[in-house]
Amino acid sequence: QVQLVESGGGLVQAGGSLRLSCTASGSTYVMGWFRQTPGKEREFVAAINWSDFRGYHADSVKGRFTISGDDAKTTIYLQMNSLKPEDTAVYYCAANPPRNIYYNNYIYWGQGTQVTVSS
């Protein structure tokens, strides 16, 4: 069993920046971020593959968000720049997708952290 603990959410003005962190208690091979707003499905934001530290980003955040991970392969970060009001959501950390990294069927999930971007 892997536990994921997120931190770093909060309130920021449009154009500002936030950095989210997520630490895993056990072994993972892929870790990622999803976000969800009321009434919508969780959507993929970014993921990192520990085998080569390659990052994957949704088109909606490319050029603004960057996922990274530590050498110990236990903590990931999501640097969010140029934030927009439409980025407002609960952001969830996730780990170990059975197949496609873009699908929200990861095995392990964090509790979520709120990100609010004011206009």
Protein backbone atom coordinates (compact mmCIF):
# COMPACT_ATOMS: atom_id res chain seq x y z
CA GLN A 1 0.00 0.00 0.00
CA VAL A 2 1.28 3.43 -0.98
CA GLN A 3 0.16 6.60 0.74
CA LEU A 4 0.39 9.93 -1.02
CA VAL A 5 0.53 13.22 0.85
CA GLU A 6 0.08 16.48 -1.03
CA SER A 7 0.87 20.02 0.00
CA GLY A 8 1.18 23.46 -1.52
CA GLY A 9 -2.30 24.44 -2.58
CA GLY A 10 -3.81 27.80 -1.84
CA LEU A 11 -5.23 31.04 -3.17
CA VAL A 12 -3.35 33.05 -5.78
CA GLN A 13 -4.15 35.85 -8.19
CA ALA A 14 -4.28 35.26 -11.91
CA GLY A 15 -0.80 35.34 -13.37
CA GLY A 16 0.75 34.12 -10.15
CA SER A 17 2.54 30.89 -9.29
CA LEU A 18 2.17 27.97 -6.91
CA ARG A 19 4.14 24.79 -6.37
CA LEU A 20 2.48 21.58 -5.32
CA SER A 21 4.35 18.70 -3.71
CA CYS A 22 3.44 15.07 -3.23
CA THR A 23 5.39 12.45 -1.30
CA ALA A 24 4.83 8.71 -1.63
CA SER A 25 5.34 6.30 1.27
CA GLY A 26 6.20 3.33 -0.96
CA SER A 27 7.50 2.27 -4.33
CA THR A 28 5.98 3.81 -7.44
CA TYR A 29 6.80 3.71 -11.14
CA VAL A 30 4.72 6.65 -12.33
CA MET A 31 3.40 9.57 -10.32
CA GLY A 32 1.13 12.28 -11.59
CA TRP A 33 -1.33 15.08 -10.98
CA PHE A 34 -4.99 15.27 -11.84
CA ARG A 35 -7.49 18.01 -11.12
CA GLN A 36 -11.21 18.10 -10.63
CA THR A 37 -13.90 20.74 -10.47
CA PRO A 38 -17.48 20.14 -9.24
CA GLY A 39 -19.55 18.10 -11.66
CA LYS A 40 -16.63 17.13 -13.86
CA GLU A 41 -14.38 14.11 -14.10
CA ARG A 42 -10.84 14.24 -12.90
CA GLU A 43 -8.63 15.37 -15.72
CA PHE A 44 -5.01 14.61 -16.36
CA VAL A 45 -2.56 17.43 -15.67
CA ALA A 46 0.92 15.92 -15.68
CA ALA A 47 2.87 12.78 -14.89
CA ILE A 48 6.43 11.63 -14.52
CA ASN A 49 7.88 8.22 -15.33
CA TRP A 50 10.58 7.28 -12.87
CA SER A 51 12.36 5.02 -15.37
CA ASP A 52 13.67 8.03 -17.27
CA PHE A 53 12.26 10.99 -15.35
CA ARG A 54 10.33 11.99 -18.46
CA GLY A 55 7.46 14.36 -17.84
CA TYR A 56 4.12 14.41 -19.62
CA HIS A 57 1.80 17.41 -19.59
CA ALA A 58 -1.75 18.09 -20.71
CA ASP A 59 -2.04 20.49 -23.61
CA SER A 60 -3.97 22.91 -21.41
CA VAL A 61 -0.98 23.40 -19.10
CA LYS A 62 1.99 23.00 -21.44
CA GLY A 63 4.35 25.92 -21.18
CA ARG A 64 2.87 26.98 -17.83
CA PHE A 65 3.12 23.91 -15.57
CA THR A 66 6.15 21.69 -15.08
CA ILE A 67 6.30 18.37 -13.30
CA SER A 68 9.53 17.21 -11.71
CA GLY A 69 10.72 14.63 -9.22
CA ASP A 70 13.46 14.10 -6.69
CA ASP A 71 16.33 11.64 -7.15
CA ALA A 72 14.90 9.38 -4.46
CA LYS A 73 11.79 8.89 -6.62
CA THR A 74 9.51 9.59 -3.69
CA THR A 75 8.44 13.19 -4.19
CA ILE A 76 7.04 15.00 -7.18
CA TYR A 77 6.45 18.66 -7.70
CA LEU A 78 4.13 20.62 -9.92
CA GLN A 79 5.38 24.12 -10.60
CA MET A 80 2.42 26.15 -11.80
CA ASN A 81 3.12 29.50 -13.42
CA SER A 82 0.91 32.01 -15.22
CA LEU A 83 -2.10 30.63 -13.39
CA LYS A 84 -5.54 31.31 -14.79
CA PRO A 85 -8.95 31.27 -13.07
CA GLU A 86 -9.79 28.15 -15.08
CA ASP A 87 -6.96 26.34 -13.28
CA THR A 88 -9.05 26.51 -10.11
CA ALA A 89 -9.69 22.94 -8.96
CA VAL A 90 -8.85 20.32 -6.40
CA TYR A 91 -5.51 18.85 -7.43
CA TYR A 92 -4.89 15.20 -6.72
CA CYS A 93 -1.63 13.32 -6.64
CA ALA A 94 -1.78 9.80 -8.05
CA ALA A 95 0.56 6.87 -8.53
CA ASN A 96 0.94 3.65 -10.50
CA PRO A 97 -1.44 3.68 -13.46
CA PRO A 98 -2.30 0.15 -14.66
CA ARG A 99 -1.92 1.21 -18.27
CA ASN A 100 -2.22 4.63 -19.86
CA ILE A 101 -0.79 7.45 -17.79
CA TYR A 102 -3.43 9.86 -19.08
CA TYR A 103 -6.40 7.92 -17.66
CA ASN A 104 -7.68 8.57 -14.15
CA ASN A 105 -7.52 4.93 -13.08
CA TYR A 106 -4.32 5.16 -11.10
CA ILE A 107 -4.11 2.74 -8.19
CA TYR A 108 -3.18 5.21 -5.46
CA TRP A 109 -4.56 8.69 -4.78
CA GLY A 110 -3.86 11.49 -2.38
CA GLN A 111 -6.51 13.41 -0.48
CA GLY A 112 -6.38 16.42 -2.80
CA THR A 113 -5.36 20.01 -2.32
CA GLN A 114 -7.39 23.06 -3.33
CA VAL A 115 -5.97 25.55 -5.79
CA THR A 116 -7.97 28.73 -6.28
CA VAL A 117 -7.00 31.36 -8.82
CA SER A 118 -8.76 34.68 -8.50
CA SER A 119 -9.29 37.02 -11.44
